[in-house]
Amino acid sequence: MIELRDRLFDALNDKEKRDNLDSLCDKVIKNHSFERKFTKEERIEHQAEVSDLTVQIEDAEDQIKDLTKPLREEIKHLKKLRKRTMGEIKLGANLVQEDVYLFQEEKTLTAHVYDQFGNRISVRPLTPEEKQKVMKMVPIEAKDGTND
């Protein structure tokens, strides 16, 4: 009978240990799961593996950032367009920048602004500068009351 303690066959190499364990045990249990403590060398190897994996992960994350940057920018642009379009839908109109046509009405002293399709887009009072120009255009009546 063998004395059972924490470690058996310390003086033997690994193959001799396995041979003795196999020949002296009562039963070999196949594929048994258990936690085996690391040796100092195994701990160092595992720590080095973690460091290597961390570097690989960081490199892959940097690649993801580089690859997705154009897509993120495109998404940002598309969201901006969507927001503007939703605002236009809410208003029932959209903001355009094009030539418009201003007409000044002398009788009411108002300015009427039309788009390229002839639709009036706004009416406002004449500015003081515009009023001066309108006044210059109005013919001065003769003192005798005739327009000749």
N, C-alpha and C. Protein backbone atom coordinates (compact mmCIF):
# COMPACT_ATOMS: atom_id res chain seq x y z
N MET A 1 0.85 -1.18 0.00
CA MET A 1 0.00 0.00 0.00
C MET A 1 0.89 1.23 0.00
N ILE A 2 0.46 2.22 -0.75
CA ILE A 2 1.19 3.46 -0.92
C ILE A 2 0.67 4.50 0.06
N GLU A 3 1.56 5.33 0.60
CA GLU A 3 1.15 6.41 1.52
C GLU A 3 0.60 7.56 0.69
N LEU A 4 -0.64 7.92 0.92
CA LEU A 4 -1.28 8.98 0.14
C LEU A 4 -1.03 10.33 0.80
N ARG A 5 -0.50 11.25 0.01
CA ARG A 5 -0.22 12.61 0.48
C ARG A 5 -0.46 13.57 -0.68
N ASP A 6 -0.19 14.85 -0.48
CA ASP A 6 -0.48 15.85 -1.53
C ASP A 6 0.25 15.56 -2.83
N ARG A 7 1.49 15.13 -2.76
CA ARG A 7 2.26 14.86 -3.99
C ARG A 7 2.85 13.45 -3.90
N LEU A 8 2.75 12.73 -5.00
CA LEU A 8 3.30 11.38 -5.06
C LEU A 8 4.43 11.32 -6.09
N PHE A 9 5.42 10.56 -5.81
CA PHE A 9 6.52 10.24 -6.73
C PHE A 9 7.30 11.49 -7.18
N ASP A 10 7.62 12.38 -6.25
CA ASP A 10 8.34 13.62 -6.58
C ASP A 10 9.69 13.36 -7.21
N ALA A 11 10.34 12.28 -6.87
CA ALA A 11 11.69 12.02 -7.37
C ALA A 11 11.70 11.49 -8.80
N LEU A 12 10.56 11.15 -9.35
CA LEU A 12 10.49 10.55 -10.68
C LEU A 12 10.21 11.61 -11.74
N ASN A 13 10.57 11.29 -13.01
CA ASN A 13 10.21 12.21 -14.11
C ASN A 13 8.74 11.99 -14.46
N ASP A 14 8.21 12.82 -15.36
CA ASP A 14 6.77 12.80 -15.67
C ASP A 14 6.31 11.45 -16.21
N LYS A 15 7.06 10.82 -17.10
CA LYS A 15 6.65 9.53 -17.66
C LYS A 15 6.62 8.45 -16.57
N GLU A 16 7.63 8.42 -15.73
CA GLU A 16 7.68 7.45 -14.65
C GLU A 16 6.53 7.66 -13.66
N LYS A 17 6.19 8.92 -13.39
CA LYS A 17 5.07 9.22 -12.50
C LYS A 17 3.78 8.64 -13.08
N ARG A 18 3.54 8.89 -14.39
CA ARG A 18 2.31 8.38 -15.02
C ARG A 18 2.28 6.85 -14.99
N ASP A 19 3.39 6.23 -15.26
CA ASP A 19 3.44 4.77 -15.26
C ASP A 19 3.12 4.21 -13.87
N ASN A 20 3.70 4.79 -12.82
CA ASN A 20 3.45 4.34 -11.45
C ASN A 20 2.00 4.60 -11.04
N LEU A 21 1.50 5.78 -11.37
CA LEU A 21 0.11 6.09 -11.05
C LEU A 21 -0.82 5.10 -11.72
N ASP A 22 -0.57 4.81 -12.98
CA ASP A 22 -1.42 3.90 -13.75
C ASP A 22 -1.37 2.49 -13.18
N SER A 23 -0.21 2.04 -12.78
CA SER A 23 -0.09 0.66 -12.31
C SER A 23 -0.55 0.49 -10.85
N LEU A 24 -0.49 1.55 -10.06
CA LEU A 24 -0.82 1.41 -8.64
C LEU A 24 -2.23 1.87 -8.27
N CYS A 25 -2.90 2.58 -9.16
CA CYS A 25 -4.23 3.10 -8.79
C CYS A 25 -5.28 2.00 -8.86
N ASP A 26 -6.42 2.27 -8.22
CA ASP A 26 -7.53 1.32 -8.25
C ASP A 26 -8.33 1.45 -9.54
N LYS A 27 -8.39 2.66 -10.09
CA LYS A 27 -9.21 2.87 -11.28
C LYS A 27 -8.73 4.14 -11.98
N VAL A 28 -8.72 4.14 -13.31
CA VAL A 28 -8.43 5.34 -14.09
C VAL A 28 -9.76 5.93 -14.54
N ILE A 29 -9.99 7.18 -14.16
CA ILE A 29 -11.23 7.87 -14.55
C ILE A 29 -10.88 8.72 -15.76
N LYS A 30 -11.48 8.42 -16.89
CA LYS A 30 -11.19 9.12 -18.14
C LYS A 30 -11.90 10.47 -18.21
N ASN A 31 -11.22 11.46 -18.76
CA ASN A 31 -11.77 12.79 -19.03
C ASN A 31 -12.45 13.45 -17.84
N HIS A 32 -11.84 13.34 -16.68
CA HIS A 32 -12.37 13.97 -15.46
C HIS A 32 -11.95 15.45 -15.44
N SER A 33 -12.91 16.32 -15.18
CA SER A 33 -12.62 17.76 -15.13
C SER A 33 -12.24 18.17 -13.71
N PHE A 34 -11.20 18.97 -13.60
CA PHE A 34 -10.77 19.50 -12.31
C PHE A 34 -9.85 20.69 -12.56
N GLU A 35 -9.59 21.46 -11.51
CA GLU A 35 -8.70 22.61 -11.61
C GLU A 35 -7.31 22.21 -11.14
N ARG A 36 -6.34 22.38 -12.03
CA ARG A 36 -4.95 22.08 -11.69
C ARG A 36 -4.23 23.39 -11.54
N LYS A 37 -3.51 23.57 -10.44
CA LYS A 37 -2.79 24.81 -10.18
C LYS A 37 -1.65 24.97 -11.18
N PHE A 38 -1.40 26.23 -11.56
CA PHE A 38 -0.31 26.53 -12.48
C PHE A 38 1.05 26.37 -11.79
N THR A 39 2.01 25.98 -12.58
CA THR A 39 3.40 26.09 -12.12
C THR A 39 3.82 27.53 -12.37
N LYS A 40 4.97 27.94 -11.85
CA LYS A 40 5.44 29.30 -12.08
C LYS A 40 5.62 29.56 -13.58
N GLU A 41 6.13 28.60 -14.29
CA GLU A 41 6.34 28.74 -15.73
C GLU A 41 5.02 28.88 -16.48
N GLU A 42 4.04 28.05 -16.08
CA GLU A 42 2.72 28.13 -16.72
C GLU A 42 2.06 29.48 -16.45
N ARG A 43 2.21 30.00 -15.23
CA ARG A 43 1.64 31.32 -14.90
C ARG A 43 2.27 32.39 -15.79
N ILE A 44 3.57 32.34 -15.94
CA ILE A 44 4.27 33.32 -16.79
C ILE A 44 3.80 33.19 -18.23
N GLU A 45 3.65 31.97 -18.73
CA GLU A 45 3.18 31.74 -20.10
C GLU A 45 1.76 32.29 -20.28
N HIS A 46 0.89 32.04 -19.32
CA HIS A 46 -0.49 32.54 -19.42
C HIS A 46 -0.54 34.07 -19.36
N GLN A 47 0.28 34.67 -18.50
CA GLN A 47 0.32 36.13 -18.43
C GLN A 47 0.82 36.72 -19.75
N ALA A 48 1.83 36.07 -20.35
CA ALA A 48 2.34 36.54 -21.65
C ALA A 48 1.26 36.39 -22.72
N GLU A 49 0.50 35.30 -22.66
CA GLU A 49 -0.58 35.09 -23.62
C GLU A 49 -1.65 36.17 -23.48
N VAL A 50 -1.98 36.53 -22.24
CA VAL A 50 -2.96 37.59 -22.01
C VAL A 50 -2.46 38.90 -22.59
N SER A 51 -1.18 39.20 -22.39
CA SER A 51 -0.60 40.44 -22.95
C SER A 51 -0.68 40.43 -24.47
N ASP A 52 -0.32 39.31 -25.08
CA ASP A 52 -0.37 39.21 -26.54
C ASP A 52 -1.81 39.36 -27.05
N LEU A 53 -2.74 38.72 -26.37
CA LEU A 53 -4.15 38.82 -26.78
C LEU A 53 -4.66 40.24 -26.62
N THR A 54 -4.24 40.93 -25.58
CA THR A 54 -4.65 42.32 -25.37
C THR A 54 -4.17 43.19 -26.51
N VAL A 55 -2.93 43.01 -26.93
CA VAL A 55 -2.39 43.77 -28.06
C VAL A 55 -3.17 43.47 -29.33
N GLN A 56 -3.47 42.19 -29.56
CA GLN A 56 -4.24 41.81 -30.75
C GLN A 56 -5.64 42.42 -30.73
N ILE A 57 -6.26 42.42 -29.57
CA ILE A 57 -7.60 43.00 -29.44
C ILE A 57 -7.55 44.49 -29.73
N GLU A 58 -6.58 45.19 -29.15
CA GLU A 58 -6.45 46.63 -29.38
C GLU A 58 -6.21 46.93 -30.86
N ASP A 59 -5.36 46.12 -31.51
CA ASP A 59 -5.11 46.31 -32.94
C ASP A 59 -6.40 46.10 -33.74
N ALA A 60 -7.16 45.05 -33.41
CA ALA A 60 -8.41 44.78 -34.11
C ALA A 60 -9.42 45.91 -33.88
N GLU A 61 -9.48 46.43 -32.65
CA GLU A 61 -10.40 47.54 -32.36
C GLU A 61 -10.00 48.79 -33.13
N ASP A 62 -8.68 49.03 -33.26
CA ASP A 62 -8.22 50.17 -34.06
C ASP A 62 -8.61 50.00 -35.53
N GLN A 63 -8.49 48.77 -36.03
CA GLN A 63 -8.89 48.49 -37.42
C GLN A 63 -10.38 48.73 -37.60
N ILE A 64 -11.18 48.30 -36.62
CA ILE A 64 -12.63 48.53 -36.69
C ILE A 64 -12.92 50.01 -36.77
N LYS A 65 -12.25 50.80 -35.91
CA LYS A 65 -12.46 52.26 -35.92
C LYS A 65 -12.12 52.83 -37.28
N ASP A 66 -10.97 52.40 -37.85
CA ASP A 66 -10.55 52.92 -39.15
C ASP A 66 -11.53 52.51 -40.25
N LEU A 67 -12.00 51.28 -40.20
CA LEU A 67 -12.91 50.79 -41.24
C LEU A 67 -14.30 51.41 -41.13
N THR A 68 -14.74 51.67 -39.90
CA THR A 68 -16.09 52.18 -39.73
C THR A 68 -16.19 53.70 -39.76
N LYS A 69 -15.06 54.39 -39.75
CA LYS A 69 -15.10 55.85 -39.74
C LYS A 69 -15.88 56.41 -40.93
N PRO A 70 -15.61 55.94 -42.17
CA PRO A 70 -16.41 56.46 -43.29
C PRO A 70 -17.90 56.15 -43.14
N LEU A 71 -18.22 54.98 -42.63
CA LEU A 71 -19.63 54.63 -42.44
C LEU A 71 -20.28 55.51 -41.37
N ARG A 72 -19.55 55.77 -40.28
CA ARG A 72 -20.08 56.64 -39.23
C ARG A 72 -20.34 58.04 -39.79
N GLU A 73 -19.41 58.54 -40.62
CA GLU A 73 -19.59 59.86 -41.21
C GLU A 73 -20.79 59.88 -42.16
N GLU A 74 -20.95 58.81 -42.94
CA GLU A 74 -22.10 58.73 -43.84
C GLU A 74 -23.41 58.68 -43.05
N ILE A 75 -23.42 57.90 -41.98
CA ILE A 75 -24.62 57.81 -41.15
C ILE A 75 -24.94 59.17 -40.54
N LYS A 76 -23.92 59.89 -40.09
CA LYS A 76 -24.13 61.22 -39.51
C LYS A 76 -24.75 62.15 -40.56
N HIS A 77 -24.22 62.11 -41.78
CA HIS A 77 -24.76 62.94 -42.87
C HIS A 77 -26.21 62.55 -43.18
N LEU A 78 -26.48 61.25 -43.25
CA LEU A 78 -27.84 60.79 -43.56
C LEU A 78 -28.82 61.18 -42.46
N LYS A 79 -28.40 61.11 -41.21
CA LYS A 79 -29.27 61.51 -40.11
C LYS A 79 -29.57 63.00 -40.19
N LYS A 80 -28.59 63.79 -40.58
CA LYS A 80 -28.79 65.24 -40.72
C LYS A 80 -29.81 65.51 -41.82
N LEU A 81 -29.69 64.80 -42.95
CA LEU A 81 -30.65 64.96 -44.04
C LEU A 81 -32.04 64.53 -43.62
N ARG A 82 -32.11 63.42 -42.88
CA ARG A 82 -33.41 62.93 -42.42
C ARG A 82 -34.06 63.95 -41.49
N LYS A 83 -33.29 64.53 -40.59
CA LYS A 83 -33.82 65.52 -39.66
C LYS A 83 -34.35 66.74 -40.42
N ARG A 84 -33.57 67.20 -41.42
CA ARG A 84 -34.02 68.35 -42.20
C ARG A 84 -35.29 68.03 -42.97
N THR A 85 -35.34 66.86 -43.58
CA THR A 85 -36.51 66.46 -44.35
C THR A 85 -37.74 66.31 -43.47
N MET A 86 -37.56 65.76 -42.28
CA MET A 86 -38.69 65.63 -41.35
C MET A 86 -39.20 67.01 -40.94
N GLY A 87 -38.29 67.95 -40.75
CA GLY A 87 -38.70 69.31 -40.44
C GLY A 87 -39.47 69.94 -41.58
N GLU A 88 -39.02 69.68 -42.81
CA GLU A 88 -39.73 70.21 -43.98
C GLU A 88 -41.12 69.61 -44.08
N ILE A 89 -41.23 68.32 -43.81
CA ILE A 89 -42.54 67.66 -43.85
C ILE A 89 -43.46 68.30 -42.80
N LYS A 90 -42.91 68.54 -41.62
CA LYS A 90 -43.70 69.14 -40.54
C LYS A 90 -44.19 70.53 -40.94
N LEU A 91 -43.31 71.31 -41.59
CA LEU A 91 -43.70 72.65 -42.03
C LEU A 91 -44.56 72.64 -43.28
N GLY A 92 -44.45 71.57 -44.05
CA GLY A 92 -45.17 71.50 -45.32
C GLY A 92 -44.48 72.31 -46.40
N ALA A 93 -43.22 72.63 -46.20
CA ALA A 93 -42.45 73.40 -47.18
C ALA A 93 -40.98 73.09 -46.96
N ASN A 94 -40.17 73.48 -47.95
CA ASN A 94 -38.74 73.31 -47.77
C ASN A 94 -38.02 74.62 -48.05
N LEU A 95 -36.86 74.76 -47.45
CA LEU A 95 -36.07 75.97 -47.60
C LEU A 95 -35.27 75.86 -48.89
N VAL A 96 -35.43 76.85 -49.77
CA VAL A 96 -34.69 76.87 -51.03
C VAL A 96 -33.93 78.18 -51.13
N GLN A 97 -32.93 78.18 -51.97
CA GLN A 97 -32.16 79.39 -52.21
C GLN A 97 -32.11 79.58 -53.72
N GLU A 98 -32.86 80.59 -54.19
CA GLU A 98 -32.94 80.85 -55.62
C GLU A 98 -33.27 82.32 -55.84
N ASP A 99 -33.19 82.75 -57.06
CA ASP A 99 -33.52 84.14 -57.39
C ASP A 99 -35.01 84.38 -57.19
N VAL A 100 -35.33 85.55 -56.63
CA VAL A 100 -36.72 85.95 -56.45
C VAL A 100 -36.90 87.34 -57.07
N TYR A 101 -38.15 87.73 -57.23
CA TYR A 101 -38.46 88.98 -57.94
C TYR A 101 -39.26 89.89 -57.03
N LEU A 102 -38.72 91.11 -56.81
CA LEU A 102 -39.33 92.08 -55.91
C LEU A 102 -40.09 93.12 -56.72
N PHE A 103 -41.34 93.34 -56.33
CA PHE A 103 -42.17 94.38 -56.94
C PHE A 103 -42.58 95.35 -55.83
N GLN A 104 -42.47 96.64 -56.10
CA GLN A 104 -42.84 97.65 -55.13
C GLN A 104 -44.17 98.27 -55.55
N GLU A 105 -45.10 98.28 -54.61
CA GLU A 105 -46.41 98.88 -54.91
C GLU A 105 -46.46 100.26 -54.27
N GLU A 106 -46.64 101.24 -55.14
CA GLU A 106 -46.59 102.64 -54.70
C GLU A 106 -47.78 103.00 -53.81
N LYS A 107 -48.96 102.53 -54.16
CA LYS A 107 -50.17 102.92 -53.42
C LYS A 107 -50.12 102.48 -51.96
N THR A 108 -49.71 101.24 -51.74
CA THR A 108 -49.73 100.69 -50.38
C THR A 108 -48.36 100.74 -49.70
N LEU A 109 -47.34 101.16 -50.45
CA LEU A 109 -45.96 101.20 -49.96
C LEU A 109 -45.53 99.84 -49.40
N THR A 110 -45.80 98.81 -50.21
CA THR A 110 -45.43 97.46 -49.82
C THR A 110 -44.54 96.84 -50.89
N ALA A 111 -43.75 95.87 -50.46
CA ALA A 111 -42.90 95.11 -51.38
C ALA A 111 -43.48 93.70 -51.48
N HIS A 112 -43.60 93.22 -52.70
CA HIS A 112 -44.13 91.88 -52.96
C HIS A 112 -43.01 91.07 -53.60
N VAL A 113 -42.73 89.89 -53.04
CA VAL A 113 -41.65 89.05 -53.52
C VAL A 113 -42.26 87.79 -54.14
N TYR A 114 -41.80 87.47 -55.38
CA TYR A 114 -42.32 86.33 -56.13
C TYR A 114 -41.20 85.36 -56.46
N ASP A 115 -41.57 84.05 -56.51
CA ASP A 115 -40.58 83.04 -56.91
C ASP A 115 -40.57 82.93 -58.43
N GLN A 116 -39.74 82.03 -58.94
CA GLN A 116 -39.57 81.89 -60.39
C GLN A 116 -40.81 81.38 -61.11
N PHE A 117 -41.79 80.88 -60.34
CA PHE A 117 -43.02 80.39 -60.94
C PHE A 117 -44.15 81.41 -60.87
N GLY A 118 -43.83 82.61 -60.37
CA GLY A 118 -44.83 83.65 -60.26
C GLY A 118 -45.68 83.57 -59.02
N ASN A 119 -45.27 82.77 -58.05
CA ASN A 119 -46.00 82.66 -56.79
C ASN A 119 -45.48 83.70 -55.81
N ARG A 120 -46.40 84.49 -55.24
CA ARG A 120 -45.97 85.45 -54.24
C ARG A 120 -45.55 84.68 -53.00
N ILE A 121 -44.34 84.97 -52.52
CA ILE A 121 -43.84 84.27 -51.34
C ILE A 121 -43.82 85.15 -50.10
N SER A 122 -43.88 86.47 -50.30
CA SER A 122 -43.97 87.34 -49.13
C SER A 122 -44.41 88.74 -49.52
N VAL A 123 -44.97 89.44 -48.55
CA VAL A 123 -45.37 90.85 -48.68
C VAL A 123 -44.86 91.53 -47.43
N ARG A 124 -44.26 92.70 -47.60
CA ARG A 124 -43.75 93.43 -46.45
C ARG A 124 -43.81 94.93 -46.74
N PRO A 125 -43.74 95.73 -45.69
CA PRO A 125 -43.70 97.18 -45.91
C PRO A 125 -42.37 97.55 -46.58
N LEU A 126 -42.39 98.60 -47.34
CA LEU A 126 -41.15 99.07 -47.96
C LEU A 126 -40.20 99.58 -46.88
N THR A 127 -38.93 99.37 -47.10
CA THR A 127 -37.93 99.92 -46.19
C THR A 127 -37.82 101.42 -46.44
N PRO A 128 -37.27 102.20 -45.52
CA PRO A 128 -37.12 103.64 -45.76
C PRO A 128 -36.36 103.93 -47.06
N GLU A 129 -35.34 103.15 -47.35
CA GLU A 129 -34.57 103.35 -48.59
C GLU A 129 -35.44 103.09 -49.82
N GLU A 130 -36.24 102.02 -49.76
CA GLU A 130 -37.13 101.73 -50.88
C GLU A 130 -38.19 102.81 -51.04
N LYS A 131 -38.66 103.37 -49.94
CA LYS A 131 -39.67 104.43 -50.01
C LYS A 131 -39.10 105.66 -50.72
N GLN A 132 -37.84 105.99 -50.45
CA GLN A 132 -37.22 107.14 -51.11
C GLN A 132 -37.17 106.93 -52.62
N LYS A 133 -36.83 105.73 -53.05
CA LYS A 133 -36.78 105.44 -54.48
C LYS A 133 -38.16 105.54 -55.11
N VAL A 134 -39.18 105.07 -54.41
CA VAL A 134 -40.54 105.13 -54.93
C VAL A 134 -40.97 106.59 -55.05
N MET A 135 -40.64 107.40 -54.06
CA MET A 135 -41.02 108.81 -54.09
C MET A 135 -40.37 109.53 -55.27
N LYS A 136 -39.15 109.16 -55.60
CA LYS A 136 -38.47 109.78 -56.74
C LYS A 136 -39.14 109.42 -58.05
N MET A 137 -39.73 108.20 -58.07
CA MET A 137 -40.37 107.73 -59.30
C MET A 137 -41.74 108.38 -59.51
N VAL A 138 -42.39 108.83 -58.45
CA VAL A 138 -43.72 109.44 -58.55
C VAL A 138 -43.54 110.84 -59.13
N PRO A 139 -44.21 111.17 -60.25
CA PRO A 139 -44.04 112.50 -60.86
C PRO A 139 -44.60 113.59 -59.95
N ILE A 140 -43.88 114.68 -59.92
CA ILE A 140 -44.32 115.82 -59.11
C ILE A 140 -45.36 116.60 -59.92
N GLU A 141 -46.49 116.90 -59.27
CA GLU A 141 -47.57 117.59 -59.97
C GLU A 141 -47.21 119.07 -60.11
N ALA A 142 -47.64 119.61 -61.18
CA ALA A 142 -47.39 121.05 -61.42
C ALA A 142 -48.16 121.89 -60.43
N LYS A 143 -47.68 123.07 -60.16
CA LYS A 143 -48.31 123.94 -59.18
C LYS A 143 -49.70 124.39 -59.60
N ASP A 144 -49.93 124.35 -60.89
CA ASP A 144 -51.26 124.79 -61.34
C ASP A 144 -52.27 123.65 -61.28
N GLY A 145 -51.83 122.45 -60.84
CA GLY A 145 -52.77 121.35 -60.71
C GLY A 145 -52.84 120.47 -61.93
N THR A 146 -52.06 120.79 -62.97
CA THR A 146 -52.05 119.93 -64.15
C THR A 146 -50.80 119.05 -64.13
N ASN A 147 -50.86 117.96 -64.83
CA ASN A 147 -49.71 117.06 -64.91
C ASN A 147 -48.91 117.27 -66.17
N ASP A 148 -49.10 118.35 -66.87
CA ASP A 148 -48.38 118.61 -68.11
C ASP A 148 -47.03 119.13 -67.88
